[in-house]
């Protein structure tokens, strides 16, 4: 006799797999953010090793204010460092603030980094002292700092506001670095990096601000 088997929950043709839960999506975002920022830091160390082998020649590829040849430094300056202690000092803030910028939204974090990168570089090229070369990822650090602090206020997201307050408590003292007067420090890169972070926070919160205006307009009583 043929055996009868009970068919349990047969798969339907074209049935889609269950959507991942919130926790799974958040974990995937955190993993991608960690991989991106760790990869960026690893790249900085590889570049510094090559620079050391080449007698620090890469450092001359930084931003040279108001020199046409120095414009290319806008692309390269955040990836170049002077002595090893310069890079080592930047490593932890890059890891922490870069990661937090990315987990606030991967594409937003990348877009914010691009905005900060360009504004910091262009501002330094326009205002830096003649005869100097500006390098280092600190412009990104200052930009991520102000981006994380400001975006929550612009978007009115409670958890992002809390995150911004925590970041300010941990790293807010760095903002003194936007002031001139420290020899050997590119305060212009710090200043325009911070301004770039504010611009990124404003631009990338545009959807939330528009939705908030629409919701406010819809809540107003219609004229009789």
N, C-alpha and C. Protein backbone atom coordinates (compact mmCIF):
# COMPACT_ATOMS: atom_id res chain seq x y z
N UNK A 1 0.84 -1.19 0.00
CA UNK A 1 0.00 0.00 0.00
C UNK A 1 0.88 1.25 0.00
N UNK A 2 0.45 2.21 -0.71
CA UNK A 2 1.20 3.47 -0.74
C UNK A 2 0.96 4.23 0.54
N UNK A 3 2.04 4.77 1.08
CA UNK A 3 1.92 5.54 2.33
C UNK A 3 1.36 6.91 2.01
N UNK A 4 0.52 7.39 2.89
CA UNK A 4 -0.04 8.74 2.75
C UNK A 4 0.73 9.70 3.65
N UNK A 5 1.18 10.80 3.09
CA UNK A 5 1.90 11.80 3.88
C UNK A 5 1.11 13.09 3.90
N UNK A 6 1.03 13.61 5.09
CA UNK A 6 0.30 14.87 5.24
C UNK A 6 1.19 16.02 4.78
N UNK A 7 0.66 16.81 3.87
CA UNK A 7 1.42 17.95 3.36
C UNK A 7 1.21 19.12 4.29
N UNK A 8 2.31 19.62 4.84
CA UNK A 8 2.21 20.73 5.79
C UNK A 8 2.77 21.99 5.18
N UNK A 9 1.94 23.02 5.14
CA UNK A 9 2.34 24.37 4.71
C UNK A 9 3.15 24.35 3.42
N UNK A 10 2.57 23.88 2.33
CA UNK A 10 3.32 23.83 1.08
C UNK A 10 3.68 25.23 0.60
N UNK A 11 4.82 25.32 -0.03
CA UNK A 11 5.25 26.62 -0.54
C UNK A 11 4.45 26.96 -1.78
N UNK A 12 3.91 28.14 -1.78
CA UNK A 12 3.15 28.58 -2.96
C UNK A 12 4.09 29.19 -3.97
N UNK A 13 3.82 28.93 -5.26
CA UNK A 13 4.68 29.53 -6.27
C UNK A 13 4.63 31.05 -6.17
N UNK A 14 5.82 31.66 -6.21
CA UNK A 14 5.88 33.12 -6.18
C UNK A 14 5.75 33.71 -4.80
N UNK A 15 5.60 32.85 -3.76
CA UNK A 15 5.48 33.41 -2.41
C UNK A 15 6.80 34.01 -1.99
N UNK A 16 6.74 35.17 -1.39
CA UNK A 16 7.96 35.85 -0.98
C UNK A 16 8.34 35.45 0.43
N UNK A 17 9.65 35.53 0.73
CA UNK A 17 10.13 35.22 2.07
C UNK A 17 9.68 36.30 3.03
N UNK A 18 9.52 35.95 4.30
CA UNK A 18 9.12 36.96 5.26
C UNK A 18 10.12 38.10 5.35
N UNK A 19 9.59 39.29 5.48
CA UNK A 19 10.46 40.46 5.58
C UNK A 19 11.25 40.41 6.88
N UNK A 20 12.51 40.83 6.86
CA UNK A 20 13.30 40.82 8.08
C UNK A 20 12.71 41.79 9.10
N UNK A 21 12.86 41.48 10.36
CA UNK A 21 12.31 42.33 11.41
C UNK A 21 13.13 43.59 11.60
N UNK A 22 12.62 44.42 12.49
CA UNK A 22 13.29 45.68 12.75
C UNK A 22 14.70 45.46 13.29
N UNK A 23 14.81 44.50 14.20
CA UNK A 23 16.11 44.24 14.81
C UNK A 23 17.11 43.78 13.78
N UNK A 24 16.68 42.92 12.86
CA UNK A 24 17.57 42.42 11.81
C UNK A 24 18.02 43.56 10.91
N UNK A 25 17.08 44.46 10.56
CA UNK A 25 17.44 45.59 9.71
C UNK A 25 18.42 46.53 10.39
N UNK A 26 18.20 46.78 11.68
CA UNK A 26 19.11 47.65 12.43
C UNK A 26 20.50 47.03 12.54
N UNK A 27 20.53 45.71 12.77
CA UNK A 27 21.82 45.03 12.88
C UNK A 27 22.57 45.09 11.56
N UNK A 28 21.84 44.95 10.44
CA UNK A 28 22.48 45.04 9.13
C UNK A 28 23.04 46.43 8.89
N UNK A 29 22.29 47.46 9.28
CA UNK A 29 22.75 48.84 9.14
C UNK A 29 24.01 49.07 9.97
N UNK A 30 24.01 48.61 11.21
CA UNK A 30 25.16 48.79 12.09
C UNK A 30 26.38 48.06 11.52
N UNK A 31 26.15 46.88 10.98
CA UNK A 31 27.27 46.12 10.42
C UNK A 31 27.87 46.85 9.22
N UNK A 32 27.02 47.33 8.33
CA UNK A 32 27.52 48.04 7.16
C UNK A 32 28.24 49.32 7.55
N UNK A 33 27.69 50.04 8.51
CA UNK A 33 28.34 51.27 8.98
C UNK A 33 29.71 50.96 9.57
N UNK A 34 29.79 49.90 10.37
CA UNK A 34 31.06 49.52 10.98
C UNK A 34 32.09 49.12 9.93
N UNK A 35 31.64 48.38 8.92
CA UNK A 35 32.55 47.95 7.84
C UNK A 35 33.06 49.16 7.06
N UNK A 36 32.17 50.10 6.75
CA UNK A 36 32.58 51.28 5.98
C UNK A 36 33.58 52.13 6.74
N UNK A 37 33.29 52.44 8.00
CA UNK A 37 34.18 53.34 8.73
C UNK A 37 35.50 52.64 9.07
N UNK A 38 35.45 51.33 9.35
CA UNK A 38 36.69 50.59 9.61
C UNK A 38 37.54 50.50 8.35
N UNK A 39 36.87 50.29 7.21
CA UNK A 39 37.60 50.26 5.95
C UNK A 39 38.25 51.59 5.63
N UNK A 40 37.55 52.70 5.95
CA UNK A 40 38.12 54.03 5.72
C UNK A 40 39.35 54.24 6.58
N UNK A 41 39.27 53.86 7.86
CA UNK A 41 40.42 54.02 8.76
C UNK A 41 41.58 53.14 8.29
N UNK A 42 41.28 51.91 7.85
CA UNK A 42 42.33 51.04 7.34
C UNK A 42 43.02 51.68 6.14
N UNK A 43 42.22 52.33 5.27
CA UNK A 43 42.80 53.02 4.12
C UNK A 43 43.73 54.14 4.57
N UNK A 44 43.35 54.88 5.62
CA UNK A 44 44.20 55.96 6.13
C UNK A 44 45.55 55.40 6.58
N UNK A 45 45.52 54.24 7.23
CA UNK A 45 46.78 53.65 7.70
C UNK A 45 47.63 53.13 6.55
N UNK A 46 46.99 52.56 5.54
CA UNK A 46 47.75 52.10 4.37
C UNK A 46 48.43 53.29 3.69
N UNK A 47 47.68 54.38 3.54
CA UNK A 47 48.26 55.58 2.92
C UNK A 47 49.42 56.11 3.74
N UNK A 48 49.28 56.09 5.08
CA UNK A 48 50.36 56.60 5.93
C UNK A 48 51.60 55.72 5.86
N UNK A 49 51.41 54.41 5.74
CA UNK A 49 52.55 53.50 5.57
C UNK A 49 53.27 53.83 4.26
N UNK A 50 52.50 53.98 3.18
CA UNK A 50 53.11 54.31 1.89
C UNK A 50 53.79 55.67 1.92
N UNK A 51 53.19 56.62 2.64
CA UNK A 51 53.78 57.95 2.77
C UNK A 51 55.11 57.87 3.52
N UNK A 52 55.17 57.05 4.56
CA UNK A 52 56.41 56.88 5.32
C UNK A 52 57.50 56.28 4.44
N UNK A 53 57.12 55.30 3.64
CA UNK A 53 58.09 54.66 2.73
C UNK A 53 58.62 55.66 1.71
N UNK A 54 57.75 56.59 1.30
CA UNK A 54 58.12 57.57 0.26
C UNK A 54 58.58 58.90 0.85
N UNK A 55 59.12 58.86 2.07
CA UNK A 55 59.70 60.06 2.70
C UNK A 55 58.70 61.21 2.82
N UNK A 56 57.45 60.88 3.15
CA UNK A 56 56.40 61.87 3.43
C UNK A 56 56.07 62.75 2.23
N UNK A 57 56.26 62.22 1.04
CA UNK A 57 55.97 63.02 -0.16
C UNK A 57 54.48 63.23 -0.37
N UNK A 58 53.65 62.29 0.11
CA UNK A 58 52.21 62.42 -0.09
C UNK A 58 51.65 63.66 0.59
N UNK A 59 52.30 64.09 1.66
CA UNK A 59 51.78 65.22 2.43
C UNK A 59 51.72 66.50 1.59
N UNK A 60 52.53 66.57 0.54
CA UNK A 60 52.52 67.75 -0.32
C UNK A 60 51.30 67.78 -1.24
N UNK A 61 50.49 66.71 -1.22
CA UNK A 61 49.29 66.66 -2.05
C UNK A 61 48.08 67.23 -1.32
N UNK A 62 48.31 67.89 -0.20
CA UNK A 62 47.21 68.50 0.55
C UNK A 62 46.72 69.79 -0.08
N UNK A 63 45.92 70.52 0.67
CA UNK A 63 45.33 71.77 0.17
C UNK A 63 46.34 72.91 0.28
N UNK A 64 46.65 73.54 -0.85
CA UNK A 64 47.49 74.73 -0.86
C UNK A 64 46.59 75.92 -1.16
N UNK A 65 46.33 76.76 -0.16
CA UNK A 65 45.36 77.86 -0.33
C UNK A 65 45.66 78.75 -1.52
N UNK A 66 44.62 78.96 -2.31
CA UNK A 66 44.60 79.88 -3.44
C UNK A 66 45.65 79.56 -4.52
N UNK A 67 46.10 78.32 -4.54
CA UNK A 67 46.98 77.84 -5.60
C UNK A 67 46.18 76.87 -6.47
N UNK A 68 46.24 77.07 -7.77
CA UNK A 68 45.49 76.20 -8.67
C UNK A 68 45.90 74.75 -8.48
N UNK A 69 47.20 74.52 -8.32
CA UNK A 69 47.68 73.15 -8.10
C UNK A 69 47.16 72.58 -6.78
N UNK A 70 46.84 73.46 -5.85
CA UNK A 70 46.38 73.01 -4.54
C UNK A 70 44.92 72.63 -4.49
N UNK A 71 44.18 72.88 -5.59
CA UNK A 71 42.76 72.52 -5.61
C UNK A 71 42.55 71.02 -5.49
N UNK A 72 43.46 70.24 -6.09
CA UNK A 72 43.32 68.79 -6.01
C UNK A 72 43.41 68.29 -4.57
N UNK A 73 44.03 69.09 -3.71
CA UNK A 73 44.13 68.72 -2.31
C UNK A 73 42.78 68.61 -1.62
N UNK A 74 41.76 69.26 -2.16
CA UNK A 74 40.42 69.14 -1.59
C UNK A 74 39.97 67.69 -1.59
N UNK A 75 40.37 66.94 -2.61
CA UNK A 75 40.00 65.53 -2.70
C UNK A 75 40.83 64.65 -1.78
N UNK A 76 42.10 65.02 -1.59
CA UNK A 76 43.02 64.11 -0.91
C UNK A 76 43.32 64.47 0.54
N UNK A 77 43.16 65.74 0.91
CA UNK A 77 43.63 66.20 2.22
C UNK A 77 43.11 65.37 3.40
N UNK A 78 41.81 65.01 3.47
CA UNK A 78 41.35 64.25 4.64
C UNK A 78 41.97 62.86 4.78
N UNK A 79 42.60 62.37 3.73
CA UNK A 79 43.20 61.03 3.79
C UNK A 79 44.69 61.08 4.07
N UNK A 80 45.25 62.28 4.22
CA UNK A 80 46.69 62.43 4.43
C UNK A 80 46.95 62.95 5.83
N UNK A 81 48.06 62.51 6.42
CA UNK A 81 48.42 62.94 7.77
C UNK A 81 49.92 63.19 7.84
N UNK A 82 50.29 63.94 8.87
CA UNK A 82 51.71 64.24 9.07
C UNK A 82 52.38 63.10 9.82
N UNK A 83 52.92 63.38 11.00
CA UNK A 83 53.52 62.28 11.78
C UNK A 83 52.46 61.26 12.17
N UNK A 84 52.94 60.09 12.59
CA UNK A 84 52.02 59.02 12.97
C UNK A 84 51.10 59.44 14.11
N UNK A 85 51.58 60.27 15.03
CA UNK A 85 50.72 60.67 16.15
C UNK A 85 49.54 61.50 15.69
N UNK A 86 49.68 62.16 14.54
CA UNK A 86 48.57 62.91 13.94
C UNK A 86 47.44 61.95 13.56
N UNK A 87 47.80 60.88 12.86
CA UNK A 87 46.81 59.89 12.45
C UNK A 87 46.26 59.13 13.66
N UNK A 88 47.13 58.73 14.56
CA UNK A 88 46.68 57.98 15.74
C UNK A 88 45.71 58.81 16.57
N UNK A 89 45.98 60.11 16.70
CA UNK A 89 45.09 60.99 17.46
C UNK A 89 43.72 61.14 16.81
N UNK A 90 43.67 61.02 15.48
CA UNK A 90 42.39 61.16 14.77
C UNK A 90 41.61 59.84 14.69
N UNK A 91 42.27 58.73 14.97
CA UNK A 91 41.66 57.42 14.70
C UNK A 91 40.38 57.19 15.49
N UNK A 92 40.41 57.36 16.80
CA UNK A 92 39.22 57.07 17.61
C UNK A 92 38.05 57.99 17.27
N UNK A 93 38.25 59.33 17.16
CA UNK A 93 37.12 60.18 16.75
C UNK A 93 36.56 59.82 15.38
N UNK A 94 37.41 59.43 14.44
CA UNK A 94 36.92 59.03 13.12
C UNK A 94 36.05 57.78 13.24
N UNK A 95 36.52 56.81 14.02
CA UNK A 95 35.75 55.57 14.19
C UNK A 95 34.40 55.84 14.85
N UNK A 96 34.41 56.61 15.93
CA UNK A 96 33.18 56.84 16.70
C UNK A 96 32.22 57.73 15.95
N UNK A 97 32.67 58.92 15.54
CA UNK A 97 31.77 59.89 14.91
C UNK A 97 31.38 59.45 13.50
N UNK A 98 32.32 58.85 12.77
CA UNK A 98 31.97 58.34 11.44
C UNK A 98 30.92 57.24 11.52
N UNK A 99 31.08 56.35 12.49
CA UNK A 99 30.10 55.27 12.68
C UNK A 99 28.74 55.84 13.04
N UNK A 100 28.68 56.79 13.97
CA UNK A 100 27.40 57.37 14.39
C UNK A 100 26.73 58.13 13.24
N UNK A 101 27.53 58.79 12.41
CA UNK A 101 26.95 59.49 11.25
C UNK A 101 26.32 58.50 10.28
N UNK A 102 26.93 57.34 10.12
CA UNK A 102 26.42 56.34 9.18
C UNK A 102 25.21 55.60 9.73
N UNK A 103 25.18 55.32 11.03
CA UNK A 103 24.03 54.58 11.56
C UNK A 103 22.80 55.47 11.69
N UNK A 104 22.96 56.77 11.54
CA UNK A 104 21.78 57.64 11.50
C UNK A 104 21.06 57.51 10.16
N UNK A 105 21.61 56.71 9.27
CA UNK A 105 21.07 56.49 7.92
C UNK A 105 22.25 56.39 6.99
N UNK A 106 22.44 55.24 6.35
CA UNK A 106 23.67 54.98 5.61
C UNK A 106 23.87 56.00 4.49
N UNK A 107 22.84 56.16 3.65
CA UNK A 107 23.03 57.08 2.53
C UNK A 107 23.13 58.51 3.02
N UNK A 108 22.42 58.84 4.09
CA UNK A 108 22.52 60.19 4.66
C UNK A 108 23.93 60.44 5.20
N UNK A 109 24.48 59.42 5.87
CA UNK A 109 25.83 59.57 6.40
C UNK A 109 26.87 59.77 5.31
N UNK A 110 26.74 59.02 4.22
CA UNK A 110 27.67 59.18 3.10
C UNK A 110 27.49 60.55 2.46
N UNK A 111 26.23 60.97 2.28
CA UNK A 111 25.96 62.29 1.69
C UNK A 111 26.49 63.40 2.60
N UNK A 112 26.30 63.26 3.91
CA UNK A 112 26.80 64.25 4.86
C UNK A 112 28.32 64.33 4.77
N UNK A 113 28.98 63.18 4.67
CA UNK A 113 30.44 63.17 4.57
C UNK A 113 30.90 63.88 3.31
N UNK A 114 30.20 63.66 2.20
CA UNK A 114 30.57 64.32 0.94
C UNK A 114 30.41 65.84 1.06
N UNK A 115 29.31 66.29 1.66
CA UNK A 115 29.09 67.73 1.83
C UNK A 115 30.17 68.34 2.71
N UNK A 116 30.47 67.67 3.83
CA UNK A 116 31.51 68.16 4.74
C UNK A 116 32.86 68.21 4.03
N UNK A 117 33.18 67.14 3.31
CA UNK A 117 34.46 67.03 2.60
C UNK A 117 34.67 68.22 1.67
N UNK A 118 33.64 68.55 0.87
CA UNK A 118 33.77 69.61 -0.13
C UNK A 118 33.80 70.99 0.52
N UNK A 119 32.91 71.24 1.46
CA UNK A 119 32.86 72.56 2.09
C UNK A 119 34.12 72.82 2.90
N UNK A 120 34.59 71.82 3.65
CA UNK A 120 35.81 71.99 4.44
C UNK A 120 37.00 72.28 3.52
N UNK A 121 37.09 71.52 2.43
CA UNK A 121 38.22 71.70 1.53
C UNK A 121 38.18 73.04 0.81
N UNK A 122 37.00 73.41 0.30
CA UNK A 122 36.88 74.68 -0.42
C UNK A 122 37.12 75.86 0.51
N UNK A 123 36.56 75.80 1.71
CA UNK A 123 36.75 76.89 2.67
C UNK A 123 38.20 77.04 3.06
N UNK A 124 38.89 75.93 3.26
CA UNK A 124 40.31 75.98 3.61
C UNK A 124 41.13 76.54 2.46
N UNK A 125 40.80 76.12 1.24
CA UNK A 125 41.53 76.62 0.07
C UNK A 125 41.36 78.14 -0.07
N UNK A 126 40.19 78.64 0.25
CA UNK A 126 39.92 80.07 0.09
C UNK A 126 40.53 80.92 1.21
N UNK A 127 40.61 80.39 2.42
CA UNK A 127 40.97 81.23 3.58
C UNK A 127 42.28 80.85 4.25
N UNK A 128 42.87 79.72 3.89
CA UNK A 128 44.11 79.30 4.55
C UNK A 128 45.25 80.26 4.28
N UNK A 129 46.25 80.21 5.14
CA UNK A 129 47.42 81.08 4.98
C UNK A 129 48.23 80.66 3.76
N UNK A 130 48.73 81.64 3.04
CA UNK A 130 49.55 81.36 1.87
C UNK A 130 50.82 80.63 2.28
N UNK A 131 51.25 79.72 1.42
CA UNK A 131 52.48 78.98 1.68
C UNK A 131 52.32 77.81 2.63
N UNK A 132 51.08 77.49 3.02
CA UNK A 132 50.84 76.36 3.91
C UNK A 132 50.20 75.21 3.14
N UNK A 133 50.29 74.01 3.71
CA UNK A 133 49.64 72.84 3.15
C UNK A 133 48.78 72.22 4.26
N UNK A 134 47.49 72.00 3.97
CA UNK A 134 46.54 71.53 4.97
C UNK A 134 46.17 70.08 4.69
N UNK A 135 46.34 69.23 5.72
CA UNK A 135 46.02 67.81 5.58
C UNK A 135 45.36 67.32 6.87
N UNK A 136 44.74 66.15 6.80
CA UNK A 136 44.20 65.51 8.00
C UNK A 136 42.70 65.31 7.96
N UNK A 137 42.25 64.26 8.65
CA UNK A 137 40.82 63.92 8.71
C UNK A 137 40.07 64.71 9.76
N UNK A 138 40.75 65.64 10.44
CA UNK A 138 40.07 66.39 11.49
C UNK A 138 38.93 67.25 10.94
N UNK A 139 39.02 67.66 9.67
CA UNK A 139 37.91 68.42 9.08
C UNK A 139 36.65 67.56 9.05
N UNK A 140 36.80 66.27 8.76
CA UNK A 140 35.66 65.36 8.78
C UNK A 140 35.15 65.16 10.21
N UNK A 141 36.08 65.06 11.17
CA UNK A 141 35.69 64.88 12.57
C UNK A 141 34.82 66.04 13.03
N UNK A 142 35.23 67.27 12.75
CA UNK A 142 34.46 68.44 13.15
C UNK A 142 33.13 68.48 12.41
N UNK A 143 33.13 68.07 11.15
CA UNK A 143 31.89 68.06 10.39
C UNK A 143 30.90 67.03 10.90
N UNK A 144 31.38 65.82 11.17
CA UNK A 144 30.48 64.80 11.73
C UNK A 144 29.95 65.23 13.08
N UNK A 145 30.80 65.89 13.86
CA UNK A 145 30.38 66.34 15.19
C UNK A 145 29.19 67.30 15.10
N UNK A 146 29.32 68.34 14.29
CA UNK A 146 28.23 69.32 14.18
C UNK A 146 27.03 68.74 13.45
N UNK A 147 27.27 67.81 12.52
CA UNK A 147 26.15 67.15 11.84
C UNK A 147 25.31 66.36 12.84
N UNK A 148 25.97 65.58 13.68
CA UNK A 148 25.24 64.77 14.66
C UNK A 148 24.54 65.62 15.70
N UNK A 149 25.15 66.74 16.07
CA UNK A 149 24.54 67.63 17.06
C UNK A 149 23.33 68.35 16.48
N UNK A 150 23.45 68.79 15.22
CA UNK A 150 22.42 69.67 14.65
C UNK A 150 21.26 68.95 13.98
N UNK A 151 21.51 67.77 13.41
CA UNK A 151 20.47 67.15 12.58
C UNK A 151 19.21 66.83 13.37
N UNK A 152 19.38 66.38 14.62
CA UNK A 152 18.21 66.07 15.44
C UNK A 152 17.33 67.29 15.67
N UNK A 153 17.97 68.44 15.88
CA UNK A 153 17.19 69.67 16.10
C UNK A 153 16.48 70.09 14.82
N UNK A 154 17.17 69.98 13.68
CA UNK A 154 16.54 70.34 12.42
C UNK A 154 15.37 69.41 12.09
N UNK A 155 15.56 68.10 12.33
CA UNK A 155 14.55 67.10 11.97
C UNK A 155 13.50 66.92 13.07
N UNK A 156 13.80 67.38 14.28
CA UNK A 156 12.90 67.21 15.44
C UNK A 156 12.68 65.72 15.76
N UNK A 157 13.75 64.92 15.61
CA UNK A 157 13.69 63.51 15.98
C UNK A 157 14.20 63.36 17.41
N UNK A 158 13.36 62.90 18.33
CA UNK A 158 13.79 62.83 19.74
C UNK A 158 15.07 62.03 19.95
N UNK A 159 15.16 60.82 19.31
CA UNK A 159 16.35 60.00 19.58
C UNK A 159 17.59 60.62 18.98
N UNK A 160 17.44 61.35 17.86
CA UNK A 160 18.60 62.01 17.27
C UNK A 160 19.02 63.22 18.10
N UNK A 161 18.05 63.87 18.73
CA UNK A 161 18.39 64.97 19.65
C UNK A 161 19.18 64.43 20.83
N UNK A 162 18.72 63.30 21.38
CA UNK A 162 19.43 62.67 22.49
C UNK A 162 20.85 62.28 22.06
N UNK A 163 20.96 61.68 20.86
CA UNK A 163 22.27 61.30 20.35
C UNK A 163 23.17 62.53 20.21
N UNK A 164 22.60 63.64 19.69
CA UNK A 164 23.38 64.86 19.54
C UNK A 164 23.88 65.39 20.88
N UNK A 165 23.04 65.31 21.91
CA UNK A 165 23.44 65.77 23.24
C UNK A 165 24.56 64.89 23.80
N UNK A 166 24.46 63.58 23.57
CA UNK A 166 25.50 62.68 24.05
C UNK A 166 26.83 62.97 23.33
N UNK A 167 26.74 63.15 22.02
CA UNK A 167 27.95 63.45 21.24
C UNK A 167 28.56 64.77 21.70
N UNK A 168 27.71 65.77 21.95
CA UNK A 168 28.21 67.07 22.42
C UNK A 168 28.90 66.92 23.77
N UNK A 169 28.31 66.12 24.66
CA UNK A 169 28.91 65.92 25.98
C UNK A 169 30.28 65.24 25.86
N UNK A 170 30.43 64.32 24.90
CA UNK A 170 31.67 63.57 24.77
C UNK A 170 32.74 64.35 24.00
N UNK A 171 32.31 65.05 22.94
CA UNK A 171 33.29 65.64 22.03
C UNK A 171 33.11 67.15 21.83
N UNK A 172 32.17 67.75 22.54
CA UNK A 172 31.90 69.17 22.32
C UNK A 172 33.09 70.07 22.56
N UNK A 173 33.98 69.68 23.46
CA UNK A 173 35.14 70.51 23.74
C UNK A 173 36.06 70.67 22.52
N UNK A 174 35.94 69.74 21.57
CA UNK A 174 36.75 69.86 20.36
C UNK A 174 36.44 71.13 19.58
N UNK A 175 35.24 71.66 19.76
CA UNK A 175 34.81 72.81 18.96
C UNK A 175 35.66 74.06 19.21
N UNK A 176 36.41 74.07 20.32
CA UNK A 176 37.35 75.17 20.51
C UNK A 176 38.40 75.19 19.40
N UNK A 177 38.57 74.07 18.73
CA UNK A 177 39.57 73.99 17.66
C UNK A 177 39.22 74.78 16.43
N UNK A 178 38.01 75.37 16.36
CA UNK A 178 37.66 76.19 15.19
C UNK A 178 38.26 77.59 15.33
N UNK A 179 38.81 77.90 16.51
CA UNK A 179 39.37 79.23 16.73
C UNK A 179 40.83 79.28 16.31
N UNK A 180 41.27 80.41 15.73
CA UNK A 180 42.67 80.52 15.32
C UNK A 180 43.59 80.66 16.54
N UNK A 181 44.88 80.49 16.28
CA UNK A 181 45.85 80.74 17.33
C UNK A 181 46.67 79.54 17.74
N UNK A 182 46.33 78.35 17.25
CA UNK A 182 47.12 77.17 17.61
C UNK A 182 48.13 76.88 16.50
N UNK A 183 49.42 77.05 16.76
CA UNK A 183 50.42 76.85 15.70
C UNK A 183 50.41 75.41 15.19
N UNK A 184 50.52 75.29 13.88
CA UNK A 184 50.57 73.96 13.27
C UNK A 184 49.23 73.28 13.14
N UNK A 185 48.13 73.95 13.55
CA UNK A 185 46.79 73.37 13.49
C UNK A 185 45.99 74.11 12.42
N UNK A 186 45.34 73.36 11.54
CA UNK A 186 44.51 73.97 10.50
C UNK A 186 43.13 74.31 11.08
N UNK A 187 43.06 75.45 11.76
CA UNK A 187 41.76 75.84 12.31
C UNK A 187 40.76 76.12 11.20
N UNK A 188 41.26 76.50 10.01
CA UNK A 188 40.34 76.72 8.88
C UNK A 188 39.65 75.41 8.50
N UNK A 189 40.40 74.32 8.48
CA UNK A 189 39.79 73.02 8.19
C UNK A 189 38.77 72.64 9.24
N UNK A 190 39.09 72.93 10.50
CA UNK A 190 38.14 72.65 11.59
C UNK A 190 36.88 73.50 11.44
N UNK A 191 37.07 74.80 11.19
CA UNK A 191 35.94 75.72 11.10
C UNK A 191 35.02 75.35 9.95
N UNK A 192 35.59 75.16 8.76
CA UNK A 192 34.74 74.89 7.60
C UNK A 192 34.22 73.45 7.61
N UNK A 193 34.93 72.55 8.28
CA UNK A 193 34.37 71.23 8.48
C UNK A 193 33.13 71.30 9.35
N UNK A 194 33.21 72.10 10.44
CA UNK A 194 32.05 72.28 11.32
C UNK A 194 30.89 72.94 10.58
N UNK A 195 31.20 73.95 9.77
CA UNK A 195 30.14 74.60 8.98
C UNK A 195 29.54 73.61 7.97
N UNK A 196 30.39 72.77 7.39
CA UNK A 196 29.89 71.75 6.47
C UNK A 196 28.94 70.79 7.15
N UNK A 197 29.23 70.45 8.42
CA UNK A 197 28.33 69.58 9.17
C UNK A 197 26.98 70.22 9.41
N UNK A 198 26.98 71.52 9.70
CA UNK A 198 25.71 72.24 9.88
C UNK A 198 24.91 72.27 8.58
N UNK A 199 25.60 72.54 7.47
CA UNK A 199 24.93 72.55 6.17
C UNK A 199 24.35 71.17 5.87
N UNK A 200 25.14 70.13 6.13
CA UNK A 200 24.66 68.76 5.88
C UNK A 200 23.45 68.46 6.74
N UNK A 201 23.48 68.86 8.02
CA UNK A 201 22.35 68.63 8.90
C UNK A 201 21.08 69.31 8.41
N UNK A 202 21.22 70.52 7.88
CA UNK A 202 20.07 71.27 7.37
C UNK A 202 19.55 70.65 6.07
N UNK A 203 20.45 70.40 5.14
CA UNK A 203 20.04 69.89 3.83
C UNK A 203 19.41 68.50 3.96
N UNK A 204 20.01 67.63 4.75
CA UNK A 204 19.56 66.24 4.82
C UNK A 204 18.39 66.03 5.76
N UNK A 205 17.93 67.10 6.39
CA UNK A 205 16.70 67.02 7.18
C UNK A 205 15.54 67.68 6.45
N UNK A 206 15.74 67.97 5.16
CA UNK A 206 14.74 68.68 4.38
C UNK A 206 13.40 67.97 4.33
N UNK A 207 13.40 66.64 4.16
CA UNK A 207 12.15 65.89 4.09
C UNK A 207 11.37 66.01 5.40
N UNK A 208 12.07 65.85 6.52
CA UNK A 208 11.38 65.94 7.81
C UNK A 208 10.81 67.33 8.04
N UNK A 209 11.58 68.36 7.67
CA UNK A 209 11.08 69.73 7.86
C UNK A 209 9.87 70.00 6.98
N UNK A 210 9.88 69.47 5.74
CA UNK A 210 8.74 69.66 4.84
C UNK A 210 7.51 68.93 5.37
N UNK A 211 7.68 67.69 5.84
CA UNK A 211 6.54 66.95 6.39
C UNK A 211 5.98 67.65 7.63
N UNK A 212 6.88 68.24 8.42
CA UNK A 212 6.42 68.93 9.62
C UNK A 212 5.60 70.17 9.25
N UNK A 213 6.05 70.90 8.22
CA UNK A 213 5.28 72.07 7.76
C UNK A 213 3.92 71.65 7.22
N UNK A 214 3.90 70.55 6.46
CA UNK A 214 2.63 70.08 5.90
C UNK A 214 1.68 69.63 7.00
N UNK A 215 2.22 68.94 8.00
CA UNK A 215 1.38 68.50 9.11
C UNK A 215 0.84 69.68 9.88
N UNK A 216 1.68 70.71 10.06
CA UNK A 216 1.25 71.90 10.77
C UNK A 216 0.16 72.64 9.99
N UNK A 217 0.35 72.71 8.67
CA UNK A 217 -0.65 73.38 7.83
C UNK A 217 -1.96 72.62 7.85
N UNK A 218 -1.89 71.27 7.86
CA UNK A 218 -3.10 70.48 7.90
C UNK A 218 -3.83 70.58 9.22
N UNK A 219 -3.11 70.90 10.28
CA UNK A 219 -3.72 71.01 11.60
C UNK A 219 -4.40 72.34 11.82
N UNK A 220 -4.08 73.32 10.98
CA UNK A 220 -4.69 74.65 11.14
C UNK A 220 -6.13 74.62 10.70
N UNK A 221 -7.01 75.35 11.40
CA UNK A 221 -8.42 75.38 11.00
C UNK A 221 -8.58 76.07 9.65
N UNK A 222 -9.43 75.53 8.80
CA UNK A 222 -9.64 76.14 7.48
C UNK A 222 -10.46 77.42 7.62
N UNK A 223 -10.17 78.44 6.82
CA UNK A 223 -10.91 79.69 6.89
C UNK A 223 -12.36 79.50 6.50
N UNK A 224 -13.24 80.25 7.17
CA UNK A 224 -14.67 80.16 6.87
C UNK A 224 -15.03 81.10 5.73
